[in-house]
């Protein structure tokens, strides 16, 4: 498996968003909050790109 270059980011998340990501992680079987967050970001970006025709 190829190593992915990464950048560390620290962020504050509103409690309501944190709870929604935790719930999504449990429902989708993600092992970590971060995995669920990245999945949601990826899906959101795919939708935006489709809307923009990219």
PDB file of N, CA and C in Angstrom:
ATOM      1  N   UNK A   1       0.842  -1.181   0.000  1.00  0.00           N
ATOM      2  CA  UNK A   1       0.000   0.000   0.000  1.00  0.00           C
ATOM      3  C   UNK A   1       0.889   1.247   0.000  1.00  0.00           C
ATOM      4  N   UNK A   2       0.562   2.202  -0.821  1.00  0.00           N
ATOM      5  CA  UNK A   2       1.323   3.425  -0.946  1.00  0.00           C
ATOM      6  C   UNK A   2       0.969   4.415   0.164  1.00  0.00           C
ATOM      7  N   UNK A   3       1.960   5.043   0.756  1.00  0.00           N
ATOM      8  CA  UNK A   3       1.724   6.016   1.820  1.00  0.00           C
ATOM      9  C   UNK A   3       1.191   7.312   1.218  1.00  0.00           C
ATOM     10  N   UNK A   4       0.168   7.855   1.832  1.00  0.00           N
ATOM     11  CA  UNK A   4      -0.451   9.093   1.381  1.00  0.00           C
ATOM     12  C   UNK A   4       0.177  10.252   2.142  1.00  0.00           C
ATOM     13  N   UNK A   5       0.564  11.294   1.421  1.00  0.00           N
ATOM     14  CA  UNK A   5       1.070  12.503   2.081  1.00  0.00           C
ATOM     15  C   UNK A   5      -0.073  13.142   2.859  1.00  0.00           C
ATOM     16  N   UNK A   6       0.224  13.587   4.062  1.00  0.00           N
ATOM     17  CA  UNK A   6      -0.813  14.183   4.897  1.00  0.00           C
ATOM     18  C   UNK A   6      -0.356  15.516   5.471  1.00  0.00           C
ATOM     19  N   UNK A   7      -1.338  16.269   5.943  1.00  0.00           N
ATOM     20  CA  UNK A   7      -1.106  17.538   6.630  1.00  0.00           C
ATOM     21  C   UNK A   7      -1.941  17.493   7.901  1.00  0.00           C
ATOM     22  N   UNK A   8      -1.374  17.900   9.013  1.00  0.00           N
ATOM     23  CA  UNK A   8      -2.113  17.904  10.279  1.00  0.00           C
ATOM     24  C   UNK A   8      -2.905  19.197  10.397  1.00  0.00           C
ATOM     25  N   UNK A   9      -4.181  19.056  10.720  1.00  0.00           N
ATOM     26  CA  UNK A   9      -5.061  20.197  10.947  1.00  0.00           C
ATOM     27  C   UNK A   9      -5.790  19.975  12.271  1.00  0.00           C
ATOM     28  N   UNK A  10      -5.784  20.965  13.108  1.00  0.00           N
ATOM     29  CA  UNK A  10      -6.564  20.923  14.340  1.00  0.00           C
ATOM     30  C   UNK A  10      -7.732  21.879  14.164  1.00  0.00           C
ATOM     31  N   UNK A  11      -8.930  21.441  14.542  1.00  0.00           N
ATOM     32  CA  UNK A  11     -10.095  22.298  14.354  1.00  0.00           C
ATOM     33  C   UNK A  11     -11.089  22.097  15.486  1.00  0.00           C
ATOM     34  N   UNK A  12     -11.844  23.123  15.726  1.00  0.00           N
ATOM     35  CA  UNK A  12     -12.946  23.043  16.688  1.00  0.00           C
ATOM     36  C   UNK A  12     -14.201  22.753  15.886  1.00  0.00           C
ATOM     37  N   UNK A  13     -15.025  21.852  16.415  1.00  0.00           N
ATOM     38  CA  UNK A  13     -16.229  21.429  15.723  1.00  0.00           C
ATOM     39  C   UNK A  13     -17.425  21.719  16.627  1.00  0.00           C
ATOM     40  N   UNK A  14     -18.467  22.335  16.089  1.00  0.00           N
ATOM     41  CA  UNK A  14     -19.659  22.543  16.904  1.00  0.00           C
ATOM     42  C   UNK A  14     -20.184  21.205  17.433  1.00  0.00           C
ATOM     43  N   UNK A  15     -20.699  21.210  18.647  1.00  0.00           N
ATOM     44  CA  UNK A  15     -21.169  19.991  19.299  1.00  0.00           C
ATOM     45  C   UNK A  15     -22.203  19.280  18.430  1.00  0.00           C
ATOM     46  N   UNK A  16     -23.112  20.025  17.828  1.00  0.00           N
ATOM     47  CA  UNK A  16     -24.162  19.401  17.017  1.00  0.00           C
ATOM     48  C   UNK A  16     -23.545  18.659  15.825  1.00  0.00           C
ATOM     49  N   UNK A  17     -22.520  19.203  15.206  1.00  0.00           N
ATOM     50  CA  UNK A  17     -21.849  18.530  14.096  1.00  0.00           C
ATOM     51  C   UNK A  17     -21.092  17.299  14.583  1.00  0.00           C
ATOM     52  N   UNK A  18     -20.446  17.425  15.728  1.00  0.00           N
ATOM     53  CA  UNK A  18     -19.730  16.292  16.320  1.00  0.00           C
ATOM     54  C   UNK A  18     -20.681  15.124  16.557  1.00  0.00           C
ATOM     55  N   UNK A  19     -21.855  15.416  17.095  1.00  0.00           N
ATOM     56  CA  UNK A  19     -22.833  14.368  17.379  1.00  0.00           C
ATOM     57  C   UNK A  19     -23.324  13.709  16.093  1.00  0.00           C
ATOM     58  N   UNK A  20     -23.525  14.514  15.046  1.00  0.00           N
ATOM     59  CA  UNK A  20     -23.987  13.962  13.771  1.00  0.00           C
ATOM     60  C   UNK A  20     -22.922  13.074  13.134  1.00  0.00           C
ATOM     61  N   UNK A  21     -21.666  13.480  13.226  1.00  0.00           N
ATOM     62  CA  UNK A  21     -20.584  12.662  12.670  1.00  0.00           C
ATOM     63  C   UNK A  21     -20.459  11.364  13.467  1.00  0.00           C
ATOM     64  N   UNK A  22     -20.561  11.437  14.784  1.00  0.00           N
ATOM     65  CA  UNK A  22     -20.510  10.222  15.605  1.00  0.00           C
ATOM     66  C   UNK A  22     -21.632   9.259  15.227  1.00  0.00           C
ATOM     67  N   UNK A  23     -22.825   9.784  15.054  1.00  0.00           N
ATOM     68  CA  UNK A  23     -23.971   8.952  14.677  1.00  0.00           C
ATOM     69  C   UNK A  23     -23.739   8.325  13.303  1.00  0.00           C
ATOM     70  N   UNK A  24     -23.243   9.108  12.366  1.00  0.00           N
ATOM     71  CA  UNK A  24     -22.942   8.599  11.024  1.00  0.00           C
ATOM     72  C   UNK A  24     -21.888   7.491  11.105  1.00  0.00           C
ATOM     73  N   UNK A  25     -20.859   7.703  11.929  1.00  0.00           N
ATOM     74  CA  UNK A  25     -19.800   6.698  12.080  1.00  0.00           C
ATOM     75  C   UNK A  25     -20.376   5.380  12.566  1.00  0.00           C
ATOM     76  N   UNK A  26     -21.243   5.428  13.543  1.00  0.00           N
ATOM     77  CA  UNK A  26     -21.858   4.213  14.076  1.00  0.00           C
ATOM     78  C   UNK A  26     -22.736   3.538  13.029  1.00  0.00           C
ATOM     79  N   UNK A  27     -23.547   4.325  12.323  1.00  0.00           N
ATOM     80  CA  UNK A  27     -24.466   3.775  11.330  1.00  0.00           C
ATOM     81  C   UNK A  27     -23.728   3.147  10.149  1.00  0.00           C
ATOM     82  N   UNK A  28     -22.607   3.730   9.761  1.00  0.00           N
ATOM     83  CA  UNK A  28     -21.872   3.271   8.586  1.00  0.00           C
ATOM     84  C   UNK A  28     -20.747   2.300   8.927  1.00  0.00           C
ATOM     85  N   UNK A  29     -20.512   2.085  10.208  1.00  0.00           N
ATOM     86  CA  UNK A  29     -19.493   1.132  10.632  1.00  0.00           C
ATOM     87  C   UNK A  29     -18.065   1.652  10.542  1.00  0.00           C
ATOM     88  N   UNK A  30     -17.902   2.958  10.597  1.00  0.00           N
ATOM     89  CA  UNK A  30     -16.551   3.528  10.586  1.00  0.00           C
ATOM     90  C   UNK A  30     -15.916   3.327  11.960  1.00  0.00           C
ATOM     91  N   UNK A  31     -14.645   2.972  11.970  1.00  0.00           N
ATOM     92  CA  UNK A  31     -13.942   2.685  13.223  1.00  0.00           C
ATOM     93  C   UNK A  31     -13.630   3.955  14.007  1.00  0.00           C
ATOM     94  N   UNK A  32     -13.479   5.082  13.295  1.00  0.00           N
ATOM     95  CA  UNK A  32     -13.098   6.323  13.970  1.00  0.00           C
ATOM     96  C   UNK A  32     -13.960   7.493  13.492  1.00  0.00           C
ATOM     97  N   UNK A  33     -13.968   8.518  14.313  1.00  0.00           N
ATOM     98  CA  UNK A  33     -14.661   9.755  13.959  1.00  0.00           C
ATOM     99  C   UNK A  33     -14.043  10.333  12.702  1.00  0.00           C
ATOM    100  N   UNK A  34     -12.712  10.313  12.622  1.00  0.00           N
ATOM    101  CA  UNK A  34     -12.008  10.875  11.462  1.00  0.00           C
ATOM    102  C   UNK A  34     -12.384  10.160  10.170  1.00  0.00           C
ATOM    103  N   UNK A  35     -12.497   8.848  10.207  1.00  0.00           N
ATOM    104  CA  UNK A  35     -12.876   8.101   9.009  1.00  0.00           C
ATOM    105  C   UNK A  35     -14.270   8.510   8.537  1.00  0.00           C
ATOM    106  N   UNK A  36     -15.179   8.680   9.474  1.00  0.00           N
ATOM    107  CA  UNK A  36     -16.530   9.111   9.125  1.00  0.00           C
ATOM    108  C   UNK A  36     -16.507  10.528   8.557  1.00  0.00           C
ATOM    109  N   UNK A  37     -15.735  11.399   9.170  1.00  0.00           N
ATOM    110  CA  UNK A  37     -15.627  12.787   8.712  1.00  0.00           C
ATOM    111  C   UNK A  37     -15.081  12.836   7.283  1.00  0.00           C
ATOM    112  N   UNK A  38     -14.001  12.084   7.027  1.00  0.00           N
ATOM    113  CA  UNK A  38     -13.414  12.075   5.688  1.00  0.00           C
ATOM    114  C   UNK A  38     -14.387  11.510   4.660  1.00  0.00           C
ATOM    115  N   UNK A  39     -15.144  10.503   5.045  1.00  0.00           N
ATOM    116  CA  UNK A  39     -16.142   9.929   4.146  1.00  0.00           C
ATOM    117  C   UNK A  39     -17.195  10.974   3.791  1.00  0.00           C
ATOM    118  N   UNK A  40     -17.674  11.695   4.789  1.00  0.00           N
ATOM    119  CA  UNK A  40     -18.676  12.737   4.545  1.00  0.00           C
ATOM    120  C   UNK A  40     -18.118  13.865   3.683  1.00  0.00           C
ATOM    121  N   UNK A  41     -16.893  14.273   3.935  1.00  0.00           N
ATOM    122  CA  UNK A  41     -16.267  15.327   3.129  1.00  0.00           C
ATOM    123  C   UNK A  41     -16.123  14.856   1.686  1.00  0.00           C
ATOM    124  N   UNK A  42     -15.650  13.637   1.495  1.00  0.00           N
ATOM    125  CA  UNK A  42     -15.481  13.089   0.146  1.00  0.00           C
ATOM    126  C   UNK A  42     -16.804  13.070  -0.600  1.00  0.00           C
ATOM    127  N   UNK A  43     -17.852  12.580   0.057  1.00  0.00           N
ATOM    128  CA  UNK A  43     -19.167  12.520  -0.579  1.00  0.00           C
ATOM    129  C   UNK A  43     -19.692  13.914  -0.909  1.00  0.00           C
ATOM    130  N   UNK A  44     -19.492  14.845   0.003  1.00  0.00           N
ATOM    131  CA  UNK A  44     -19.924  16.223  -0.247  1.00  0.00           C
ATOM    132  C   UNK A  44     -19.176  16.853  -1.413  1.00  0.00           C
ATOM    133  N   UNK A  45     -17.875  16.619  -1.487  1.00  0.00           N
ATOM    134  CA  UNK A  45     -17.086  17.159  -2.593  1.00  0.00           C
ATOM    135  C   UNK A  45     -17.509  16.559  -3.926  1.00  0.00           C
ATOM    136  N   UNK A  46     -17.831  15.270  -3.931  1.00  0.00           N
ATOM    137  CA  UNK A  46     -18.300  14.630  -5.166  1.00  0.00           C
ATOM    138  C   UNK A  46     -19.587  15.289  -5.661  1.00  0.00           C
ATOM    139  N   UNK A  47     -20.494  15.588  -4.751  1.00  0.00           N
ATOM    140  CA  UNK A  47     -21.757  16.242  -5.117  1.00  0.00           C
ATOM    141  C   UNK A  47     -21.498  17.627  -5.679  1.00  0.00           C
ATOM    142  N   UNK A  48     -20.650  18.393  -5.022  1.00  0.00           N
ATOM    143  CA  UNK A  48     -20.333  19.748  -5.484  1.00  0.00           C
ATOM    144  C   UNK A  48     -19.696  19.707  -6.864  1.00  0.00           C
ATOM    145  N   UNK A  49     -18.769  18.796  -7.073  1.00  0.00           N
ATOM    146  CA  UNK A  49     -18.100  18.679  -8.369  1.00  0.00           C
ATOM    147  C   UNK A  49     -19.098  18.318  -9.470  1.00  0.00           C
ATOM    148  N   UNK A  50     -20.040  17.424  -9.189  1.00  0.00           N
ATOM    149  CA  UNK A  50     -21.060  17.073 -10.168  1.00  0.00           C
ATOM    150  C   UNK A  50     -21.926  18.275 -10.507  1.00  0.00           C
ATOM    151  N   UNK A  51     -22.293  19.052  -9.478  1.00  0.00           N
ATOM    152  CA  UNK A  51     -23.116  20.244  -9.689  1.00  0.00           C
ATOM    153  C   UNK A  51     -22.386  21.282 -10.535  1.00  0.00           C
ATOM    154  N   UNK A  52     -21.064  21.349 -10.368  1.00  0.00           N
ATOM    155  CA  UNK A  52     -20.273  22.324 -11.113  1.00  0.00           C
ATOM    156  C   UNK A  52     -19.831  21.806 -12.477  1.00  0.00           C
ATOM    157  N   UNK A  53     -20.148  20.552 -12.757  1.00  0.00           N
ATOM    158  CA  UNK A  53     -19.808  19.970 -14.033  1.00  0.00           C
ATOM    159  C   UNK A  53     -18.351  19.561 -14.157  1.00  0.00           C
ATOM    160  N   UNK A  54     -17.694  19.297 -13.041  1.00  0.00           N
ATOM    161  CA  UNK A  54     -16.278  18.895 -13.071  1.00  0.00           C
ATOM    162  C   UNK A  54     -16.151  17.403 -13.027  1.00  0.00           C
TER     163      UNK A  54
END
